[in-house]
Amino acid sequence: MSWHQTPIALMAKALAAKEVSSMELTQYFLSRIEAEKRWNAYLDVNAHLSLEQANKADTLIAAGKGTRLTGIPVAHKDVFVTRGWKSTAASKILENYQSPFDATVVANLGMPSEKNPHGAGMVCLGKTNMDEFAMGSSNENSAFGPVLNPWNGQYVSGGSSGGSAAAVAAGLAPIATGSDTGGSIRQPSAFCGITGIKPSYGRVSRYGMIAYASSLDQAGPMGKTAEDCALLLTAMSSHDPRDSTSLADSGEDYSRFLNKPWQDSSTNFAKPLEGLRVGLPKEFFAEGLAQDVANAVNAAAKALADLGATLVEVSLPKTKLSIPVYYVLAPAEASSNLSRFDGVRYGHRANEYKDLGDMYQKSRTEGFGAEVRRRILIGTYVLCHGYYDAYYLQAQKIRRIIAADFQAAFNQCDVILGPVAPDVAWRLGEKSKDPVQMYLEDIYTLSTNLAGLPAMSVPCGFNANDLPIGMQLIGNYFSEARLLQVAHQYQQASDWHLRQASEVA
């Protein structure tokens, strides 16, 4: 059977019915990973550990102690520290680092134990490639080479979770974890033709997630379908006292609305989204949006209307300001977070140096890539005395205004629909020489991170070159279950999410 084409919701049923074992599934995907190294989706694979976990999962299932996800393989973005695998954040400064503990996301999805009794029992396949320290929109900033797009190997996979997106699209993992600081789950999901969701800030613990920008980072699932993402998000999210931003009520069943009508009283099964108001921000469909992307997103809006939704125009007037605000605040936080990588306690240390200051300088220069160094310098600059008030504080004030714009829009609608990115995936190297041009690609995703809102990418079409297009659904705070409901109903009426990457067997 072609397990790499099977959603995990069906895979879970096959495991429960003893139609396949976790050991067989794990060996299947490990074989595909070995055969499809050309995509450069993985940074570290440990077959022995994966098969050991699969054996434990089969034992749990046989004893009737498994959860719905027990035995299903999963890939983790290399931003999550994982015991037994390298945890590098795709940076040379952490090239051989192995963590003595698991990130909360990894533990929640991993094997149950005395210390972790609520583990979902999933099997770790390995660590996926990413932009170094999650800084980038193309996955070309990895110290270990770019991730290629399974739809066309000459194109980028998107960033920074490009390894996870490519792994799912190429059938090297049935589902994967990612992190989203300014669109890093949604944009690679759109570029690789898969589904991905960034939950509300605080839904998923950041403990053990190598930090880029702490007030923006959020972990989420990347899979084939909205249903798969709902299942994984349910297992990922929980209150974590080790993360001061973790929500007290973050654990819930995000699949509970999937097959229900938007209105409980509705009996019109042909119109399951009757009563849903979908907002179309005029700023998202303005100059700069590629026509093929606009056509696909508009067609998706019509499909939602055919399912009973009402389309309304809304306004997010500060959309363009999200780019300068983000590229002040995120580098400022990165400058602080990355100061710990100094060559003293762990990570890369220069071989030759004169004194402590020289060791810091050489170790960080050798260990960090160009984009990381650029953002550290920008962040340090805006935090300097004399510039803090002019840049950092002003950006924080505009951030509040951006969040207020969303709340005004949600007075008129229930969810917001728009493109994920202005374009489809671009060719490798096409934009890497112009950082500003690369930053502009995040215009539709940055504002939701600044506001802390949940948002997701859903496949909705292809361009003339057979490259995937994703639509973005944005919800109000803590409305993940409702967002996934809308996406699921759309996927019941379309098949874009079922298309297989053209260069994948």
Protein backbone atom coordinates (compact mmCIF):
# COMPACT_ATOMS: atom_id res chain seq x y z
CA MET A 1 0.00 0.00 0.00
CA SER A 2 1.14 3.58 -0.70
CA TRP A 3 1.28 4.72 2.91
CA HIS A 4 2.95 8.01 1.93
CA GLN A 5 -0.32 8.99 0.21
CA THR A 6 -2.44 8.08 3.23
CA PRO A 7 -3.67 10.74 5.70
CA ILE A 8 -2.86 9.89 9.32
CA ALA A 9 -6.58 9.74 10.16
CA LEU A 10 -6.81 6.65 7.92
CA MET A 11 -3.42 5.39 9.06
CA ALA A 12 -4.67 5.41 12.66
CA LYS A 13 -7.66 3.24 11.68
CA ALA A 14 -5.36 0.77 9.91
CA LEU A 15 -3.16 0.50 13.01
CA ALA A 16 -6.16 -0.02 15.27
CA ALA A 17 -7.51 -2.74 12.95
CA LYS A 18 -4.09 -4.47 12.92
CA GLU A 19 -3.90 -4.02 9.12
CA VAL A 20 -0.38 -2.67 9.55
CA SER A 21 2.09 -2.39 12.41
CA SER A 22 4.01 0.67 13.55
CA MET A 23 7.22 -1.22 12.76
CA GLU A 24 6.08 -1.70 9.16
CA LEU A 25 5.04 1.93 8.79
CA THR A 26 8.32 3.18 10.26
CA GLN A 27 10.42 0.94 8.01
CA TYR A 28 8.36 2.08 5.03
CA PHE A 29 9.09 5.76 5.66
CA LEU A 30 12.73 5.18 6.60
CA SER A 31 13.20 3.43 3.27
CA ARG A 32 11.66 6.38 1.43
CA ILE A 33 13.87 8.83 3.35
CA GLU A 34 16.96 6.84 2.31
CA ALA A 35 15.85 6.69 -1.33
CA GLU A 36 14.81 10.35 -1.61
CA LYS A 37 17.76 12.22 -0.10
CA ARG A 38 17.83 14.57 -3.10
CA TRP A 39 15.25 16.86 -1.47
CA ASN A 40 17.57 17.47 1.51
CA ALA A 41 14.50 17.45 3.76
CA TYR A 42 16.19 15.76 6.75
CA LEU A 43 19.22 16.78 8.78
CA ASP A 44 19.38 13.78 11.10
CA VAL A 45 17.88 10.29 10.89
CA ASN A 46 18.46 7.52 13.42
CA ALA A 47 16.80 4.33 12.17
CA HIS A 48 17.73 2.35 15.29
CA LEU A 49 15.97 4.79 17.63
CA SER A 50 12.95 5.11 15.31
CA LEU A 51 12.46 1.34 15.09
CA GLU A 52 12.92 1.03 18.85
CA GLN A 53 10.08 3.50 19.35
CA ALA A 54 7.96 1.67 16.76
CA ASN A 55 8.40 -1.57 18.68
CA LYS A 56 7.23 0.15 21.87
CA ALA A 57 4.24 1.56 20.01
CA ASP A 58 3.24 -1.89 18.75
CA THR A 59 3.48 -3.19 22.31
CA LEU A 60 1.18 -0.41 23.55
CA ILE A 61 -1.33 -1.06 20.77
CA ALA A 62 -1.31 -4.83 21.48
CA ALA A 63 -1.96 -4.12 25.16
CA GLY A 64 -4.85 -1.78 24.35
CA LYS A 65 -2.98 1.20 25.84
CA GLY A 66 -2.44 3.21 22.67
CA THR A 67 -3.90 6.60 21.84
CA ARG A 68 -5.38 7.51 18.48
CA LEU A 69 -1.91 8.53 17.23
CA THR A 70 0.17 5.74 18.77
CA GLY A 71 2.48 4.15 16.22
CA ILE A 72 2.16 6.86 13.57
CA PRO A 73 5.52 8.24 12.37
CA VAL A 74 6.20 11.99 12.65
CA ALA A 75 9.08 14.26 11.64
CA HIS A 76 10.22 17.14 13.83
CA LYS A 77 11.58 20.45 12.62
CA ASP A 78 15.14 20.82 13.87
CA VAL A 79 14.13 23.79 16.00
CA PHE A 80 12.72 21.37 18.62
CA VAL A 81 15.37 19.78 20.83
CA THR A 82 15.05 16.00 20.64
CA ARG A 83 16.87 13.51 22.81
CA GLY A 84 18.82 11.01 20.69
CA TRP A 85 18.88 13.16 17.57
CA LYS A 86 20.99 16.23 16.82
CA SER A 87 19.32 19.55 17.56
CA THR A 88 21.08 22.13 15.41
CA ALA A 89 18.52 24.72 14.27
CA ALA A 90 20.31 24.16 10.89
CA SER A 91 23.28 26.19 12.15
CA LYS A 92 26.98 25.36 12.25
CA ILE A 93 27.16 26.91 15.69
CA LEU A 94 25.10 23.93 16.96
CA GLU A 95 26.33 21.44 14.36
CA ASN A 96 26.89 18.49 16.71
CA TYR A 97 24.69 19.50 19.64
CA GLN A 98 22.57 16.76 21.24
CA SER A 99 20.02 17.81 23.82
CA PRO A 100 19.71 15.92 27.12
CA PHE A 101 15.92 16.45 27.10
CA ASP A 102 12.94 16.65 24.75
CA ALA A 103 11.04 19.81 23.87
CA THR A 104 7.47 19.73 25.21
CA VAL A 105 6.14 19.34 21.66
CA VAL A 106 8.37 16.29 21.13
CA ALA A 107 7.46 14.83 24.55
CA ASN A 108 3.71 15.36 24.02
CA LEU A 109 3.86 13.45 20.75
CA GLY A 110 6.41 10.85 21.89
CA MET A 111 6.33 7.61 23.83
CA PRO A 112 4.55 7.67 27.22
CA SER A 113 6.72 7.10 30.27
CA GLU A 114 6.71 7.70 34.02
CA LYS A 115 7.93 11.26 33.46
CA ASN A 116 5.67 11.70 30.43
CA PRO A 117 2.52 9.63 31.00
CA HIS A 118 0.42 11.54 28.45
CA GLY A 119 2.71 11.02 25.44
CA ALA A 120 0.75 10.26 22.27
CA GLY A 121 3.07 7.38 21.32
CA MET A 122 4.13 8.66 17.89
CA VAL A 123 7.40 7.50 16.34
CA CYS A 124 10.07 10.09 15.55
CA LEU A 125 11.50 9.65 12.04
CA GLY A 126 14.15 12.36 12.40
CA LYS A 127 14.86 16.08 12.31
CA THR A 128 13.94 18.18 9.28
CA ASN A 129 15.97 20.88 7.57
CA MET A 130 15.09 24.55 8.03
CA ASP A 131 16.38 28.08 7.57
CA GLU A 132 19.09 28.69 10.16
CA PHE A 133 17.45 29.61 13.48
CA ALA A 134 14.17 29.87 11.54
CA MET A 135 15.32 33.03 9.76
CA GLY A 136 14.23 32.97 6.15
CA SER A 137 11.43 32.49 3.64
CA SER A 138 12.99 30.01 1.22
CA ASN A 139 14.99 27.41 3.21
CA GLU A 140 18.12 28.56 1.42
CA ASN A 141 19.66 29.84 4.67
CA SER A 142 20.34 26.40 6.15
CA ALA A 143 24.00 25.77 6.93
CA PHE A 144 23.48 22.29 5.46
CA GLY A 145 22.11 23.27 2.07
CA PRO A 146 18.67 24.28 0.74
CA VAL A 147 15.59 22.08 0.77
CA LEU A 148 14.25 21.49 -2.74
CA ASN A 149 10.57 21.67 -3.66
CA PRO A 150 9.13 18.20 -4.49
CA TRP A 151 6.90 19.78 -7.14
CA ASN A 152 9.97 21.00 -9.00
CA GLY A 153 13.51 20.54 -7.70
CA GLN A 154 14.65 23.83 -9.22
CA TYR A 155 12.38 25.79 -6.91
CA VAL A 156 12.50 26.65 -3.20
CA SER A 157 10.37 24.79 -0.67
CA GLY A 158 9.64 27.91 1.38
CA GLY A 159 10.85 28.74 4.84
CA SER A 160 11.66 28.38 7.50
CA SER A 161 9.84 25.03 7.91
CA GLY A 162 10.70 23.96 4.37
CA GLY A 163 12.16 20.63 5.46
CA SER A 164 8.93 19.61 7.19
CA ALA A 165 6.82 20.78 4.23
CA ALA A 166 8.99 18.96 1.70
CA ALA A 167 9.06 15.80 3.84
CA VAL A 168 5.25 15.61 3.84
CA ALA A 169 4.92 16.60 0.17
CA ALA A 170 7.55 14.05 -0.92
CA GLY A 171 6.03 11.28 1.18
CA LEU A 172 9.01 11.10 3.56
CA ALA A 173 6.75 11.59 6.58
CA PRO A 174 2.97 11.35 6.96
CA ILE A 175 2.94 14.49 9.12
CA ALA A 176 5.47 16.89 10.67
CA THR A 177 5.90 19.64 13.20
CA GLY A 178 6.89 23.18 12.25
CA SER A 179 7.28 26.58 13.84
CA ASP A 180 5.91 29.92 12.66
CA THR A 181 7.43 33.28 13.59
CA GLY A 182 6.25 35.28 10.58
CA GLY A 183 4.68 32.69 8.29
CA SER A 184 7.13 29.81 8.54
CA ILE A 185 4.44 27.09 8.67
CA ARG A 186 1.97 28.65 6.25
CA GLN A 187 4.29 29.78 3.45
CA PRO A 188 6.18 26.48 2.95
CA SER A 189 2.86 24.64 3.26
CA ALA A 190 1.51 26.77 0.41
CA PHE A 191 4.66 26.32 -1.71
CA CYS A 192 4.65 22.53 -1.24
CA GLY A 193 0.89 21.96 -1.56
CA ILE A 194 0.15 20.75 1.98
CA THR A 195 -1.95 21.97 4.92
CA GLY A 196 -0.42 23.73 7.93
CA ILE A 197 -1.71 25.75 10.87
CA LYS A 198 -0.13 28.28 13.22
CA PRO A 199 -2.24 28.28 16.40
CA SER A 200 -2.89 31.24 18.67
CA TYR A 201 0.17 32.42 20.58
CA GLY A 202 0.43 30.35 23.75
CA ARG A 203 -1.56 27.33 22.52
CA VAL A 204 1.57 25.17 22.13
CA SER A 205 4.46 25.25 24.60
CA ARG A 206 7.71 26.85 23.43
CA TYR A 207 9.74 24.97 26.04
CA GLY A 208 12.62 23.27 24.25
CA MET A 209 12.01 25.17 21.01
CA ILE A 210 15.22 26.98 20.06
CA ALA A 211 14.13 30.61 20.22
CA TYR A 212 14.21 33.13 17.39
CA ALA A 213 11.70 35.81 18.49
CA SER A 214 9.99 34.75 21.70
CA SER A 215 6.90 36.95 21.43
CA LEU A 216 6.20 35.68 17.91
CA ASP A 217 7.33 32.03 17.78
CA GLN A 218 4.60 29.38 17.81
CA ALA A 219 4.69 25.68 16.96
CA GLY A 220 2.10 23.91 14.83
CA PRO A 221 1.37 20.87 12.64
CA MET A 222 1.97 20.38 8.91
CA GLY A 223 0.13 17.55 7.14
CA LYS A 224 -1.91 16.47 4.16
CA THR A 225 -5.33 17.46 5.46
CA ALA A 226 -7.03 19.74 7.94
CA GLU A 227 -8.20 16.65 9.81
CA ASP A 228 -4.61 15.43 10.19
CA CYS A 229 -3.55 18.84 11.49
CA ALA A 230 -6.44 18.83 13.98
CA LEU A 231 -5.38 15.44 15.34
CA LEU A 232 -1.74 16.47 15.74
CA LEU A 233 -2.54 19.88 17.24
CA THR A 234 -4.75 18.19 19.84
CA ALA A 235 -1.81 16.04 20.93
CA MET A 236 0.76 18.88 20.73
CA SER A 237 -1.03 21.46 22.81
CA SER A 238 -1.17 21.39 26.60
CA HIS A 239 -0.56 23.76 29.47
CA ASP A 240 3.14 23.80 30.34
CA PRO A 241 4.25 25.52 33.57
CA ARG A 242 7.80 25.68 32.16
CA ASP A 243 6.61 28.15 29.52
CA SER A 244 5.33 31.36 31.09
CA THR A 245 3.33 32.17 27.94
CA SER A 246 1.54 28.79 27.86
CA LEU A 247 -2.24 29.13 28.08
CA ALA A 248 -3.89 27.52 31.09
CA ASP A 249 -6.65 26.03 28.90
CA SER A 250 -4.55 25.24 25.83
CA GLY A 251 -5.53 21.57 25.67
CA GLU A 252 -8.71 20.75 23.74
CA ASP A 253 -10.01 18.56 20.92
CA TYR A 254 -9.46 20.58 17.76
CA SER A 255 -11.28 18.03 15.61
CA ARG A 256 -14.61 18.41 17.41
CA PHE A 257 -16.27 20.63 14.77
CA LEU A 258 -14.82 19.04 11.63
CA ASN A 259 -17.93 17.21 10.43
CA LYS A 260 -20.51 19.52 11.96
CA PRO A 261 -22.37 22.39 10.25
CA TRP A 262 -21.25 25.92 11.13
CA GLN A 263 -24.62 26.51 12.82
CA ASP A 264 -25.77 23.78 15.19
CA SER A 265 -29.39 24.25 14.13
CA SER A 266 -28.66 23.86 10.41
CA THR A 267 -30.24 20.91 8.59
CA ASN A 268 -29.10 21.91 5.09
CA PHE A 269 -26.37 19.33 4.54
CA ALA A 270 -25.56 20.79 1.10
CA LYS A 271 -24.63 24.08 2.79
CA PRO A 272 -22.56 23.08 5.87
CA LEU A 273 -21.02 26.57 6.16
CA GLU A 274 -24.34 28.42 6.14
CA GLY A 275 -24.06 31.35 8.56
CA LEU A 276 -20.29 31.68 8.21
CA ARG A 277 -19.09 35.17 7.31
CA VAL A 278 -15.82 35.16 5.36
CA GLY A 279 -13.95 38.45 5.27
CA LEU A 280 -11.88 39.38 2.20
CA PRO A 281 -9.39 42.14 3.13
CA LYS A 282 -9.09 44.57 0.24
CA GLU A 283 -5.43 45.17 1.14
CA PHE A 284 -4.67 41.47 0.49
CA PHE A 285 -5.95 41.68 -3.10
CA ALA A 286 -4.19 44.89 -4.10
CA GLU A 287 -1.10 45.62 -6.18
CA GLY A 288 1.72 43.10 -5.83
CA LEU A 289 -0.42 39.95 -5.81
CA ALA A 290 0.28 37.61 -8.73
CA GLN A 291 -2.78 37.12 -10.93
CA ASP A 292 -2.69 33.32 -10.81
CA VAL A 293 -2.60 33.42 -7.00
CA ALA A 294 -5.49 35.91 -6.93
CA ASN A 295 -7.54 33.72 -9.28
CA ALA A 296 -7.02 30.61 -7.16
CA VAL A 297 -7.89 32.36 -3.88
CA ASN A 298 -10.99 33.97 -5.43
CA ALA A 299 -12.07 30.56 -6.72
CA ALA A 300 -11.65 29.18 -3.19
CA ALA A 301 -13.78 32.05 -1.84
CA LYS A 302 -16.50 31.13 -4.36
CA ALA A 303 -16.27 27.48 -3.27
CA LEU A 304 -16.84 28.54 0.34
CA ALA A 305 -19.82 30.61 -0.81
CA ASP A 306 -21.19 27.55 -2.59
CA LEU A 307 -20.96 25.73 0.76
CA GLY A 308 -23.18 28.40 2.31
CA ALA A 309 -20.72 31.06 3.49
CA THR A 310 -21.32 34.77 3.01
CA LEU A 311 -18.45 36.83 1.57
CA VAL A 312 -17.90 40.33 2.98
CA GLU A 313 -15.22 42.91 2.25
CA VAL A 314 -13.14 43.99 5.25
CA SER A 315 -10.15 46.25 5.71
CA LEU A 316 -6.79 45.73 7.41
CA PRO A 317 -5.31 49.18 6.75
CA LYS A 318 -1.97 48.62 8.50
CA THR A 319 -1.04 45.52 6.47
CA LYS A 320 1.94 47.19 4.76
CA LEU A 321 3.32 48.32 8.12
CA SER A 322 3.62 44.71 9.31
CA ILE A 323 6.89 44.28 7.37
CA PRO A 324 8.86 47.17 8.95
CA VAL A 325 7.34 46.42 12.38
CA TYR A 326 8.28 42.73 12.17
CA TYR A 327 11.79 43.45 10.95
CA VAL A 328 12.39 45.71 13.94
CA LEU A 329 10.86 43.52 16.64
CA ALA A 330 11.95 40.06 15.48
CA PRO A 331 15.64 40.95 15.00
CA ALA A 332 15.61 42.76 18.36
CA GLU A 333 14.42 39.60 20.10
CA ALA A 334 16.80 37.47 18.04
CA SER A 335 19.74 39.64 19.08
CA SER A 336 18.90 38.92 22.70
CA ASN A 337 18.03 35.22 22.28
CA LEU A 338 21.08 34.33 20.21
CA SER A 339 23.54 36.01 22.58
CA ARG A 340 23.72 32.69 24.47
CA PHE A 341 25.56 31.08 21.54
CA ASP A 342 29.01 32.37 22.41
CA GLY A 343 31.30 29.33 22.24
CA VAL A 344 31.61 29.07 26.02
CA ARG A 345 29.11 26.48 27.26
CA TYR A 346 28.11 24.54 24.15
CA GLY A 347 28.17 24.83 20.39
CA HIS A 348 30.93 25.86 18.05
CA ARG A 349 34.10 27.46 19.43
CA ALA A 350 36.83 28.94 17.23
CA ASN A 351 40.09 26.97 17.22
CA GLU A 352 42.35 30.01 17.56
CA TYR A 353 41.73 33.22 19.51
CA LYS A 354 43.69 35.78 21.53
CA ASP A 355 41.34 36.47 24.42
CA LEU A 356 37.72 36.06 25.53
CA GLY A 357 36.41 38.87 23.34
CA ASP A 358 38.25 37.49 20.32
CA MET A 359 36.82 34.02 21.03
CA TYR A 360 33.26 35.41 21.10
CA GLN A 361 33.78 37.29 17.86
CA LYS A 362 35.42 34.45 15.91
CA SER A 363 33.12 31.74 17.22
CA ARG A 364 29.97 33.66 16.32
CA THR A 365 31.34 34.81 12.96
CA GLU A 366 32.26 31.25 12.01
CA GLY A 367 29.11 29.70 13.47
CA PHE A 368 26.36 32.02 12.22
CA GLY A 369 25.32 32.34 8.58
CA ALA A 370 24.94 35.64 6.71
CA GLU A 371 21.20 36.09 7.31
CA VAL A 372 21.48 35.37 11.04
CA ARG A 373 24.37 37.82 11.38
CA ARG A 374 22.34 40.44 9.47
CA ARG A 375 19.36 40.11 11.80
CA ILE A 376 21.51 40.12 14.93
CA LEU A 377 23.12 43.38 13.76
CA ILE A 378 19.73 44.96 12.97
CA GLY A 379 18.35 43.86 16.33
CA THR A 380 21.34 45.12 18.28
CA TYR A 381 21.12 48.46 16.46
CA VAL A 382 17.43 49.08 17.25
CA LEU A 383 18.01 48.21 20.91
CA CYS A 384 20.93 50.60 21.29
CA HIS A 385 20.63 53.71 23.45
CA GLY A 386 19.26 56.52 21.31
CA TYR A 387 17.49 54.20 18.86
CA TYR A 388 15.33 52.17 21.25
CA ASP A 389 12.63 54.86 21.50
CA ALA A 390 12.79 55.75 17.81
CA TYR A 391 12.47 52.20 16.48
CA TYR A 392 11.64 49.48 19.02
CA LEU A 393 9.01 51.34 21.05
CA GLN A 394 7.36 52.78 17.94
CA ALA A 395 7.17 49.29 16.42
CA GLN A 396 5.51 47.95 19.58
CA LYS A 397 2.89 50.71 19.39
CA ILE A 398 2.10 49.92 15.74
CA ARG A 399 1.91 46.23 16.67
CA ARG A 400 -1.00 47.07 18.97
CA ILE A 401 -2.70 49.00 16.16
CA ILE A 402 -2.31 46.02 13.79
CA ALA A 403 -3.97 43.77 16.40
CA ALA A 404 -6.79 46.31 16.78
CA ASP A 405 -7.35 46.30 13.00
CA PHE A 406 -8.03 42.58 13.13
CA GLN A 407 -10.52 42.98 15.97
CA ALA A 408 -12.38 45.62 13.95
CA ALA A 409 -12.49 43.22 11.00
CA PHE A 410 -13.79 40.37 13.16
CA ASN A 411 -16.77 42.53 14.10
CA GLN A 412 -17.84 42.03 10.47
CA CYS A 413 -16.76 38.43 9.83
CA ASP A 414 -15.93 35.10 11.47
CA VAL A 415 -12.82 34.19 9.49
CA ILE A 416 -10.59 36.12 7.11
CA LEU A 417 -9.56 34.67 3.74
CA GLY A 418 -6.63 35.75 1.59
CA PRO A 419 -3.45 34.55 -0.09
CA VAL A 420 -0.56 33.10 1.89
CA ALA A 421 2.09 34.79 -0.27
CA PRO A 422 2.10 37.20 -3.23
CA ASP A 423 3.69 34.54 -5.48
CA VAL A 424 4.16 30.81 -5.80
CA ALA A 425 7.57 29.26 -5.07
CA TRP A 426 10.46 30.93 -6.88
CA ARG A 427 13.61 29.46 -8.38
CA LEU A 428 16.57 28.68 -6.14
CA GLY A 429 18.81 31.74 -5.85
CA GLU A 430 16.28 34.05 -7.51
CA LYS A 431 15.78 36.31 -4.48
CA SER A 432 18.62 35.39 -2.14
CA LYS A 433 20.79 38.32 -3.24
CA ASP A 434 18.13 40.87 -2.27
CA PRO A 435 17.03 40.46 1.38
CA VAL A 436 14.39 43.20 1.10
CA GLN A 437 12.70 41.48 -1.83
CA MET A 438 12.66 38.27 0.21
CA TYR A 439 11.19 40.08 3.23
CA LEU A 440 8.32 41.45 1.08
CA GLU A 441 7.16 37.90 0.41
CA ASP A 442 5.89 37.74 4.02
CA ILE A 443 3.45 40.64 3.72
CA TYR A 444 0.30 38.54 4.21
CA THR A 445 1.56 36.35 7.04
CA LEU A 446 3.51 38.65 9.38
CA SER A 447 0.53 40.54 10.79
CA THR A 448 -1.08 37.44 12.33
CA ASN A 449 2.10 36.69 14.30
CA LEU A 450 2.29 40.30 15.45
CA ALA A 451 -1.32 40.01 16.65
CA GLY A 452 -0.92 36.46 18.02
CA LEU A 453 -3.85 35.12 15.95
CA PRO A 454 -4.33 31.60 14.58
CA ALA A 455 -3.94 31.18 10.81
CA MET A 456 -3.53 28.33 8.37
CA SER A 457 -2.60 27.52 4.79
CA VAL A 458 -4.86 25.29 2.69
CA PRO A 459 -4.06 24.10 -0.87
CA CYS A 460 -6.40 25.79 -3.37
CA GLY A 461 -4.86 25.46 -6.84
CA PHE A 462 -1.83 25.51 -9.11
CA ASN A 463 -0.25 28.01 -11.47
CA ALA A 464 0.59 27.43 -15.14
CA ASN A 465 3.90 25.79 -14.16
CA ASP A 466 2.15 23.25 -11.92
CA LEU A 467 3.35 24.89 -8.70
CA PRO A 468 0.97 24.81 -5.71
CA ILE A 469 -1.01 27.80 -4.45
CA GLY A 470 -2.28 28.10 -0.88
CA MET A 471 -5.07 30.17 0.60
CA GLN A 472 -4.77 31.60 4.09
CA LEU A 473 -7.55 31.36 6.66
CA ILE A 474 -7.20 33.65 9.70
CA GLY A 475 -9.35 33.32 12.81
CA ASN A 476 -9.89 35.27 15.99
CA TYR A 477 -8.05 34.27 19.16
CA PHE A 478 -8.44 30.61 20.16
CA SER A 479 -10.65 29.72 17.16
CA GLU A 480 -8.40 26.94 15.82
CA ALA A 481 -11.18 24.34 15.90
CA ARG A 482 -13.41 26.60 13.83
CA LEU A 483 -10.63 27.39 11.32
CA LEU A 484 -9.97 23.68 10.90
CA GLN A 485 -13.71 23.13 10.43
CA VAL A 486 -13.82 25.60 7.54
CA ALA A 487 -10.71 24.08 5.96
CA HIS A 488 -12.06 20.54 6.37
CA GLN A 489 -15.39 21.39 4.74
CA TYR A 490 -13.53 23.03 1.86
CA GLN A 491 -11.36 19.93 1.47
CA GLN A 492 -14.45 17.73 1.38
CA ALA A 493 -15.55 19.71 -1.68
CA SER A 494 -12.14 19.94 -3.40
CA ASP A 495 -9.16 17.72 -4.12
CA TRP A 496 -6.22 20.12 -4.26
CA HIS A 497 -4.84 18.67 -1.02
CA LEU A 498 -4.87 15.16 -2.49
CA ARG A 499 -2.64 15.95 -5.47
CA GLN A 500 0.75 14.26 -5.38
CA ALA A 501 3.95 16.19 -5.99
CA SER A 502 4.84 15.79 -9.65
CA GLU A 503 8.46 14.70 -9.07
CA VAL A 504 7.64 12.13 -6.38
CA ALA A 505 7.06 8.42 -7.02
